[in-house]
């Protein structure tokens, strides 16, 4: 039986939410999953994350494709302003 390997990349900034995601990925990964935790504080990792379309961390890519759970647009000016940022009132 030929088992297909899956490359799982977890983009992390070392925050508690990131650590929780790393634990979750490790918990549900199968024996054919190769997990790599990548530090977003390293410029080369940040560049790779941009290529994948990572906007927020934690984020998970499987076989070079950002998982649909991680494709959120991240913070944007309109949403921040509507939440009250920049309003002196």
PDB file of N, CA and C in Angstrom:
ATOM      1  N   UNK A   1       0.834  -1.177   0.000  1.00  0.00           N
ATOM      2  CA  UNK A   1       0.000   0.000   0.000  1.00  0.00           C
ATOM      3  C   UNK A   1       0.887   1.251   0.000  1.00  0.00           C
ATOM      4  N   UNK A   2       0.603   2.173  -0.907  1.00  0.00           N
ATOM      5  CA  UNK A   2       1.395   3.388  -1.042  1.00  0.00           C
ATOM      6  C   UNK A   2       0.718   4.520  -0.279  1.00  0.00           C
ATOM      7  N   UNK A   3       1.371   5.031   0.741  1.00  0.00           N
ATOM      8  CA  UNK A   3       0.807   6.102   1.561  1.00  0.00           C
ATOM      9  C   UNK A   3       1.277   7.448   1.033  1.00  0.00           C
ATOM     10  N   UNK A   4       0.325   8.351   0.827  1.00  0.00           N
ATOM     11  CA  UNK A   4       0.649   9.688   0.352  1.00  0.00           C
ATOM     12  C   UNK A   4       1.043  10.554   1.546  1.00  0.00           C
ATOM     13  N   UNK A   5       2.224  11.139   1.443  1.00  0.00           N
ATOM     14  CA  UNK A   5       2.698  12.028   2.506  1.00  0.00           C
ATOM     15  C   UNK A   5       2.038  13.394   2.344  1.00  0.00           C
ATOM     16  N   UNK A   6       1.728  14.021   3.466  1.00  0.00           N
ATOM     17  CA  UNK A   6       1.175  15.371   3.471  1.00  0.00           C
ATOM     18  C   UNK A   6       2.139  16.271   4.229  1.00  0.00           C
ATOM     19  N   UNK A   7       2.522  17.373   3.581  1.00  0.00           N
ATOM     20  CA  UNK A   7       3.381  18.350   4.242  1.00  0.00           C
ATOM     21  C   UNK A   7       2.469  19.382   4.893  1.00  0.00           C
ATOM     22  N   UNK A   8       2.546  19.490   6.204  1.00  0.00           N
ATOM     23  CA  UNK A   8       1.717  20.407   6.968  1.00  0.00           C
ATOM     24  C   UNK A   8       2.625  21.482   7.561  1.00  0.00           C
ATOM     25  N   UNK A   9       2.359  22.738   7.184  1.00  0.00           N
ATOM     26  CA  UNK A   9       3.153  23.853   7.679  1.00  0.00           C
ATOM     27  C   UNK A   9       2.262  24.725   8.564  1.00  0.00           C
ATOM     28  N   UNK A  10       2.723  24.953   9.792  1.00  0.00           N
ATOM     29  CA  UNK A  10       1.988  25.797  10.725  1.00  0.00           C
ATOM     30  C   UNK A  10       2.778  27.096  10.878  1.00  0.00           C
ATOM     31  N   UNK A  11       2.152  28.202  10.469  1.00  0.00           N
ATOM     32  CA  UNK A  11       2.789  29.515  10.607  1.00  0.00           C
ATOM     33  C   UNK A  11       2.416  30.060  11.974  1.00  0.00           C
ATOM     34  N   UNK A  12       3.438  30.332  12.789  1.00  0.00           N
ATOM     35  CA  UNK A  12       3.234  30.694  14.186  1.00  0.00           C
ATOM     36  C   UNK A  12       4.075  31.898  14.559  1.00  0.00           C
ATOM     37  N   UNK A  13       3.535  32.703  15.481  1.00  0.00           N
ATOM     38  CA  UNK A  13       4.299  33.813  16.042  1.00  0.00           C
ATOM     39  C   UNK A  13       4.628  33.545  17.508  1.00  0.00           C
ATOM     40  N   UNK A  14       4.389  32.311  17.946  1.00  0.00           N
ATOM     41  CA  UNK A  14       4.702  31.943  19.318  1.00  0.00           C
ATOM     42  C   UNK A  14       3.667  32.403  20.337  1.00  0.00           C
ATOM     43  N   UNK A  15       2.515  32.863  19.868  1.00  0.00           N
ATOM     44  CA  UNK A  15       1.469  33.338  20.775  1.00  0.00           C
ATOM     45  C   UNK A  15       0.673  32.149  21.320  1.00  0.00           C
ATOM     46  N   UNK A  16      -0.103  32.349  22.391  1.00  0.00           N
ATOM     47  CA  UNK A  16      -0.902  31.249  22.940  1.00  0.00           C
ATOM     48  C   UNK A  16      -1.851  30.617  21.919  1.00  0.00           C
ATOM     49  N   UNK A  17      -2.480  31.432  21.066  1.00  0.00           N
ATOM     50  CA  UNK A  17      -3.373  30.880  20.039  1.00  0.00           C
ATOM     51  C   UNK A  17      -2.580  30.042  19.036  1.00  0.00           C
ATOM     52  N   UNK A  18      -1.379  30.488  18.722  1.00  0.00           N
ATOM     53  CA  UNK A  18      -0.518  29.736  17.802  1.00  0.00           C
ATOM     54  C   UNK A  18      -0.132  28.392  18.423  1.00  0.00           C
ATOM     55  N   UNK A  19       0.257  28.429  19.699  1.00  0.00           N
ATOM     56  CA  UNK A  19       0.649  27.195  20.384  1.00  0.00           C
ATOM     57  C   UNK A  19      -0.515  26.206  20.427  1.00  0.00           C
ATOM     58  N   UNK A  20      -1.719  26.727  20.628  1.00  0.00           N
ATOM     59  CA  UNK A  20      -2.908  25.880  20.662  1.00  0.00           C
ATOM     60  C   UNK A  20      -3.144  25.231  19.296  1.00  0.00           C
ATOM     61  N   UNK A  21      -2.925  25.984  18.234  1.00  0.00           N
ATOM     62  CA  UNK A  21      -3.088  25.439  16.883  1.00  0.00           C
ATOM     63  C   UNK A  21      -2.049  24.373  16.603  1.00  0.00           C
ATOM     64  N   UNK A  22      -0.810  24.597  17.024  1.00  0.00           N
ATOM     65  CA  UNK A  22       0.243  23.590  16.845  1.00  0.00           C
ATOM     66  C   UNK A  22      -0.161  22.291  17.548  1.00  0.00           C
ATOM     67  N   UNK A  23      -0.654  22.404  18.789  1.00  0.00           N
ATOM     68  CA  UNK A  23      -1.086  21.206  19.523  1.00  0.00           C
ATOM     69  C   UNK A  23      -2.237  20.506  18.802  1.00  0.00           C
ATOM     70  N   UNK A  24      -3.189  21.272  18.282  1.00  0.00           N
ATOM     71  CA  UNK A  24      -4.322  20.686  17.565  1.00  0.00           C
ATOM     72  C   UNK A  24      -3.855  19.936  16.326  1.00  0.00           C
ATOM     73  N   UNK A  25      -2.985  20.564  15.546  1.00  0.00           N
ATOM     74  CA  UNK A  25      -2.459  19.918  14.332  1.00  0.00           C
ATOM     75  C   UNK A  25      -1.738  18.629  14.698  1.00  0.00           C
ATOM     76  N   UNK A  26      -0.906  18.677  15.743  1.00  0.00           N
ATOM     77  CA  UNK A  26      -0.181  17.477  16.162  1.00  0.00           C
ATOM     78  C   UNK A  26      -1.132  16.389  16.642  1.00  0.00           C
ATOM     79  N   UNK A  27      -2.214  16.794  17.293  1.00  0.00           N
ATOM     80  CA  UNK A  27      -3.178  15.839  17.832  1.00  0.00           C
ATOM     81  C   UNK A  27      -3.951  15.126  16.727  1.00  0.00           C
ATOM     82  N   UNK A  28      -4.337  15.841  15.668  1.00  0.00           N
ATOM     83  CA  UNK A  28      -5.179  15.223  14.637  1.00  0.00           C
ATOM     84  C   UNK A  28      -4.402  14.716  13.430  1.00  0.00           C
ATOM     85  N   UNK A  29      -3.100  14.982  13.390  1.00  0.00           N
ATOM     86  CA  UNK A  29      -2.289  14.541  12.256  1.00  0.00           C
ATOM     87  C   UNK A  29      -2.214  13.015  12.197  1.00  0.00           C
ATOM     88  N   UNK A  30      -2.141  12.529  10.968  1.00  0.00           N
ATOM     89  CA  UNK A  30      -2.001  11.085  10.783  1.00  0.00           C
ATOM     90  C   UNK A  30      -0.520  10.739  10.595  1.00  0.00           C
ATOM     91  N   UNK A  31      -0.250   9.475  10.505  1.00  0.00           N
ATOM     92  CA  UNK A  31       1.146   9.032  10.400  1.00  0.00           C
ATOM     93  C   UNK A  31       1.796   9.476   9.093  1.00  0.00           C
ATOM     94  N   UNK A  32       0.994   9.832   8.086  1.00  0.00           N
ATOM     95  CA  UNK A  32       1.576  10.270   6.823  1.00  0.00           C
ATOM     96  C   UNK A  32       1.754  11.787   6.761  1.00  0.00           C
ATOM     97  N   UNK A  33       1.473  12.481   7.869  1.00  0.00           N
ATOM     98  CA  UNK A  33       1.633  13.931   7.917  1.00  0.00           C
ATOM     99  C   UNK A  33       3.019  14.302   8.427  1.00  0.00           C
ATOM    100  N   UNK A  34       3.666  15.183   7.698  1.00  0.00           N
ATOM    101  CA  UNK A  34       4.965  15.723   8.103  1.00  0.00           C
ATOM    102  C   UNK A  34       4.724  17.163   8.538  1.00  0.00           C
ATOM    103  N   UNK A  35       4.826  17.423   9.837  1.00  0.00           N
ATOM    104  CA  UNK A  35       4.480  18.730  10.401  1.00  0.00           C
ATOM    105  C   UNK A  35       5.728  19.576  10.593  1.00  0.00           C
ATOM    106  N   UNK A  36       5.641  20.819  10.146  1.00  0.00           N
ATOM    107  CA  UNK A  36       6.724  21.781  10.333  1.00  0.00           C
ATOM    108  C   UNK A  36       6.118  23.058  10.915  1.00  0.00           C
ATOM    109  N   UNK A  37       6.632  23.496  12.050  1.00  0.00           N
ATOM    110  CA  UNK A  37       6.191  24.740  12.672  1.00  0.00           C
ATOM    111  C   UNK A  37       7.166  25.833  12.241  1.00  0.00           C
ATOM    112  N   UNK A  38       6.620  26.875  11.631  1.00  0.00           N
ATOM    113  CA  UNK A  38       7.441  27.945  11.064  1.00  0.00           C
ATOM    114  C   UNK A  38       7.276  29.231  11.870  1.00  0.00           C
ATOM    115  N   UNK A  39       8.387  29.856  12.203  1.00  0.00           N
ATOM    116  CA  UNK A  39       8.415  31.066  13.027  1.00  0.00           C
ATOM    117  C   UNK A  39       8.261  32.305  12.149  1.00  0.00           C
ATOM    118  N   UNK A  40       7.119  32.991  12.286  1.00  0.00           N
ATOM    119  CA  UNK A  40       6.840  34.175  11.467  1.00  0.00           C
ATOM    120  C   UNK A  40       7.776  35.341  11.769  1.00  0.00           C
ATOM    121  N   UNK A  41       8.576  35.258  12.833  1.00  0.00           N
ATOM    122  CA  UNK A  41       9.537  36.309  13.143  1.00  0.00           C
ATOM    123  C   UNK A  41      10.767  36.247  12.234  1.00  0.00           C
ATOM    124  N   UNK A  42      10.895  35.156  11.482  1.00  0.00           N
ATOM    125  CA  UNK A  42      12.008  35.015  10.546  1.00  0.00           C
ATOM    126  C   UNK A  42      11.575  35.562   9.182  1.00  0.00           C
ATOM    127  N   UNK A  43      12.374  36.447   8.575  1.00  0.00           N
ATOM    128  CA  UNK A  43      11.991  37.071   7.309  1.00  0.00           C
ATOM    129  C   UNK A  43      11.669  36.066   6.197  1.00  0.00           C
ATOM    130  N   UNK A  44      12.421  34.981   6.124  1.00  0.00           N
ATOM    131  CA  UNK A  44      12.169  34.008   5.055  1.00  0.00           C
ATOM    132  C   UNK A  44      10.834  33.286   5.260  1.00  0.00           C
ATOM    133  N   UNK A  45      10.446  33.086   6.507  1.00  0.00           N
ATOM    134  CA  UNK A  45       9.152  32.465   6.808  1.00  0.00           C
ATOM    135  C   UNK A  45       8.023  33.433   6.479  1.00  0.00           C
ATOM    136  N   UNK A  46       8.197  34.699   6.848  1.00  0.00           N
ATOM    137  CA  UNK A  46       7.193  35.718   6.542  1.00  0.00           C
ATOM    138  C   UNK A  46       6.999  35.846   5.032  1.00  0.00           C
ATOM    139  N   UNK A  47       8.084  35.757   4.277  1.00  0.00           N
ATOM    140  CA  UNK A  47       7.998  35.844   2.818  1.00  0.00           C
ATOM    141  C   UNK A  47       7.227  34.641   2.259  1.00  0.00           C
ATOM    142  N   UNK A  48       7.496  33.463   2.784  1.00  0.00           N
ATOM    143  CA  UNK A  48       6.784  32.257   2.344  1.00  0.00           C
ATOM    144  C   UNK A  48       5.300  32.380   2.690  1.00  0.00           C
ATOM    145  N   UNK A  49       5.005  32.906   3.869  1.00  0.00           N
ATOM    146  CA  UNK A  49       3.615  33.087   4.292  1.00  0.00           C
ATOM    147  C   UNK A  49       2.877  34.017   3.334  1.00  0.00           C
ATOM    148  N   UNK A  50       3.533  35.094   2.922  1.00  0.00           N
ATOM    149  CA  UNK A  50       2.913  36.024   1.967  1.00  0.00           C
ATOM    150  C   UNK A  50       2.605  35.311   0.653  1.00  0.00           C
ATOM    151  N   UNK A  51       3.518  34.451   0.192  1.00  0.00           N
ATOM    152  CA  UNK A  51       3.287  33.706  -1.050  1.00  0.00           C
ATOM    153  C   UNK A  51       2.045  32.823  -0.941  1.00  0.00           C
ATOM    154  N   UNK A  52       1.809  32.281   0.232  1.00  0.00           N
ATOM    155  CA  UNK A  52       0.638  31.424   0.460  1.00  0.00           C
ATOM    156  C   UNK A  52      -0.634  32.229   0.664  1.00  0.00           C
ATOM    157  N   UNK A  53      -0.491  33.531   0.922  1.00  0.00           N
ATOM    158  CA  UNK A  53      -1.649  34.368   1.172  1.00  0.00           C
ATOM    159  C   UNK A  53      -2.026  34.474   2.641  1.00  0.00           C
ATOM    160  N   UNK A  54      -1.097  34.130   3.531  1.00  0.00           N
ATOM    161  CA  UNK A  54      -1.359  34.218   4.962  1.00  0.00           C
ATOM    162  C   UNK A  54      -1.513  35.683   5.347  1.00  0.00           C
ATOM    163  N   UNK A  55      -2.628  36.001   6.010  1.00  0.00           N
ATOM    164  CA  UNK A  55      -2.887  37.367   6.475  1.00  0.00           C
ATOM    165  C   UNK A  55      -2.842  37.450   7.993  1.00  0.00           C
ATOM    166  N   UNK A  56      -3.145  36.345   8.667  1.00  0.00           N
ATOM    167  CA  UNK A  56      -3.134  36.310  10.128  1.00  0.00           C
ATOM    168  C   UNK A  56      -2.515  34.997  10.586  1.00  0.00           C
ATOM    169  N   UNK A  57      -2.022  34.989  11.803  1.00  0.00           N
ATOM    170  CA  UNK A  57      -1.508  33.756  12.406  1.00  0.00           C
ATOM    171  C   UNK A  57      -2.336  33.437  13.635  1.00  0.00           C
ATOM    172  N   UNK A  58      -2.457  32.196  13.981  1.00  0.00           N
ATOM    173  CA  UNK A  58      -1.839  31.046  13.331  1.00  0.00           C
ATOM    174  C   UNK A  58      -2.513  30.728  12.003  1.00  0.00           C
ATOM    175  N   UNK A  59      -1.759  30.107  11.120  1.00  0.00           N
ATOM    176  CA  UNK A  59      -2.275  29.669   9.835  1.00  0.00           C
ATOM    177  C   UNK A  59      -1.652  28.316   9.501  1.00  0.00           C
ATOM    178  N   UNK A  60      -2.397  27.513   8.757  1.00  0.00           N
ATOM    179  CA  UNK A  60      -1.937  26.170   8.401  1.00  0.00           C
ATOM    180  C   UNK A  60      -2.021  25.991   6.890  1.00  0.00           C
ATOM    181  N   UNK A  61      -0.936  25.508   6.307  1.00  0.00           N
ATOM    182  CA  UNK A  61      -0.917  25.155   4.889  1.00  0.00           C
ATOM    183  C   UNK A  61      -0.671  23.653   4.782  1.00  0.00           C
ATOM    184  N   UNK A  62      -1.383  23.020   3.876  1.00  0.00           N
ATOM    185  CA  UNK A  62      -1.225  21.587   3.651  1.00  0.00           C
ATOM    186  C   UNK A  62      -0.852  21.386   2.192  1.00  0.00           C
ATOM    187  N   UNK A  63       0.289  20.743   1.985  1.00  0.00           N
ATOM    188  CA  UNK A  63       0.827  20.526   0.647  1.00  0.00           C
ATOM    189  C   UNK A  63       0.913  21.823  -0.156  1.00  0.00           C
ATOM    190  N   UNK A  64       1.363  22.897   0.507  1.00  0.00           N
ATOM    191  CA  UNK A  64       1.598  24.161  -0.179  1.00  0.00           C
ATOM    192  C   UNK A  64       0.364  25.004  -0.420  1.00  0.00           C
ATOM    193  N   UNK A  65      -0.779  24.610   0.148  1.00  0.00           N
ATOM    194  CA  UNK A  65      -2.012  25.369  -0.046  1.00  0.00           C
ATOM    195  C   UNK A  65      -2.586  25.742   1.309  1.00  0.00           C
ATOM    196  N   UNK A  66      -2.896  27.028   1.467  1.00  0.00           N
ATOM    197  CA  UNK A  66      -3.460  27.513   2.711  1.00  0.00           C
ATOM    198  C   UNK A  66      -4.799  26.837   2.966  1.00  0.00           C
ATOM    199  N   UNK A  67      -4.967  26.282   4.164  1.00  0.00           N
ATOM    200  CA  UNK A  67      -6.226  25.626   4.526  1.00  0.00           C
ATOM    201  C   UNK A  67      -7.346  26.666   4.540  1.00  0.00           C
ATOM    202  N   UNK A  68      -8.541  26.260   4.118  1.00  0.00           N
ATOM    203  CA  UNK A  68      -9.650  27.213   4.007  1.00  0.00           C
ATOM    204  C   UNK A  68      -9.982  27.875   5.333  1.00  0.00           C
ATOM    205  N   UNK A  69      -9.677  27.226   6.449  1.00  0.00           N
ATOM    206  CA  UNK A  69      -9.932  27.841   7.752  1.00  0.00           C
ATOM    207  C   UNK A  69      -9.036  29.043   7.995  1.00  0.00           C
ATOM    208  N   UNK A  70      -8.001  29.187   7.208  1.00  0.00           N
ATOM    209  CA  UNK A  70      -6.977  30.203   7.472  1.00  0.00           C
ATOM    210  C   UNK A  70      -6.902  31.281   6.387  1.00  0.00           C
ATOM    211  N   UNK A  71      -7.952  31.397   5.587  1.00  0.00           N
ATOM    212  CA  UNK A  71      -7.892  32.336   4.469  1.00  0.00           C
ATOM    213  C   UNK A  71      -8.556  33.668   4.765  1.00  0.00           C
ATOM    214  N   UNK A  72      -8.855  33.940   6.029  1.00  0.00           N
ATOM    215  CA  UNK A  72      -9.456  35.228   6.398  1.00  0.00           C
ATOM    216  C   UNK A  72      -8.590  36.385   5.952  1.00  0.00           C
ATOM    217  N   UNK A  73      -9.231  37.478   5.675  1.00  0.00           N
ATOM    218  CA  UNK A  73      -8.517  38.635   5.143  1.00  0.00           C
ATOM    219  C   UNK A  73      -7.670  39.345   6.186  1.00  0.00           C
ATOM    220  N   UNK A  74      -7.930  39.077   7.454  1.00  0.00           N
ATOM    221  CA  UNK A  74      -7.181  39.778   8.493  1.00  0.00           C
ATOM    222  C   UNK A  74      -7.732  41.173   8.686  1.00  0.00           C
ATOM    223  N   UNK A  75      -7.097  41.952   9.547  1.00  0.00           N
ATOM    224  CA  UNK A  75      -7.586  43.294   9.844  1.00  0.00           C
ATOM    225  C   UNK A  75      -7.577  44.178   8.598  1.00  0.00           C
ATOM    226  N   UNK A  76      -8.605  45.029   8.482  1.00  0.00           N
ATOM    227  CA  UNK A  76      -8.597  46.015   7.413  1.00  0.00           C
ATOM    228  C   UNK A  76      -9.113  47.337   7.965  1.00  0.00           C
ATOM    229  N   UNK A  77      -8.785  48.405   7.289  1.00  0.00           N
ATOM    230  CA  UNK A  77      -9.083  49.747   7.795  1.00  0.00           C
ATOM    231  C   UNK A  77     -10.575  49.970   7.997  1.00  0.00           C
ATOM    232  N   UNK A  78     -11.397  49.543   7.063  1.00  0.00           N
ATOM    233  CA  UNK A  78     -12.838  49.775   7.167  1.00  0.00           C
ATOM    234  C   UNK A  78     -13.408  49.114   8.420  1.00  0.00           C
ATOM    235  N   UNK A  79     -13.061  47.857   8.640  1.00  0.00           N
ATOM    236  CA  UNK A  79     -13.567  47.139   9.815  1.00  0.00           C
ATOM    237  C   UNK A  79     -13.056  47.778  11.105  1.00  0.00           C
ATOM    238  N   UNK A  80     -11.793  48.195  11.123  1.00  0.00           N
ATOM    239  CA  UNK A  80     -11.234  48.821  12.318  1.00  0.00           C
ATOM    240  C   UNK A  80     -11.903  50.153  12.611  1.00  0.00           C
ATOM    241  N   UNK A  81     -12.133  50.937  11.575  1.00  0.00           N
ATOM    242  CA  UNK A  81     -12.786  52.230  11.777  1.00  0.00           C
ATOM    243  C   UNK A  81     -14.232  52.043  12.237  1.00  0.00           C
ATOM    244  N   UNK A  82     -14.926  51.059  11.676  1.00  0.00           N
ATOM    245  CA  UNK A  82     -16.314  50.837  12.083  1.00  0.00           C
ATOM    246  C   UNK A  82     -16.393  50.315  13.517  1.00  0.00           C
ATOM    247  N   UNK A  83     -15.305  49.735  13.996  1.00  0.00           N
ATOM    248  CA  UNK A  83     -15.255  49.270  15.386  1.00  0.00           C
ATOM    249  C   UNK A  83     -14.905  50.418  16.336  1.00  0.00           C
ATOM    250  N   UNK A  84     -14.587  51.582  15.791  1.00  0.00           N
ATOM    251  CA  UNK A  84     -14.316  52.746  16.634  1.00  0.00           C
ATOM    252  C   UNK A  84     -12.892  53.248  16.613  1.00  0.00           C
ATOM    253  N   UNK A  85     -11.992  52.574  15.940  1.00  0.00           N
ATOM    254  CA  UNK A  85     -10.600  53.020  15.901  1.00  0.00           C
ATOM    255  C   UNK A  85     -10.502  54.339  15.127  1.00  0.00           C
ATOM    256  N   UNK A  86      -9.835  55.314  15.718  1.00  0.00           N
ATOM    257  CA  UNK A  86      -9.637  56.586  15.050  1.00  0.00           C
ATOM    258  C   UNK A  86     -10.741  57.591  15.310  1.00  0.00           C
ATOM    259  N   UNK A  87     -11.778  57.192  16.034  1.00  0.00           N
ATOM    260  CA  UNK A  87     -12.871  58.109  16.370  1.00  0.00           C
ATOM    261  C   UNK A  87     -12.640  58.658  17.767  1.00  0.00           C
ATOM    262  N   UNK A  88     -12.469  59.980  17.859  1.00  0.00           N
ATOM    263  CA  UNK A  88     -12.193  60.609  19.147  1.00  0.00           C
ATOM    264  C   UNK A  88     -13.409  60.649  20.062  1.00  0.00           C
ATOM    265  N   UNK A  89     -14.602  60.477  19.500  1.00  0.00           N
ATOM    266  CA  UNK A  89     -15.849  60.623  20.251  1.00  0.00           C
ATOM    267  C   UNK A  89     -16.046  59.560  21.238  1.00  0.00           C
TER     268      UNK A  89
END
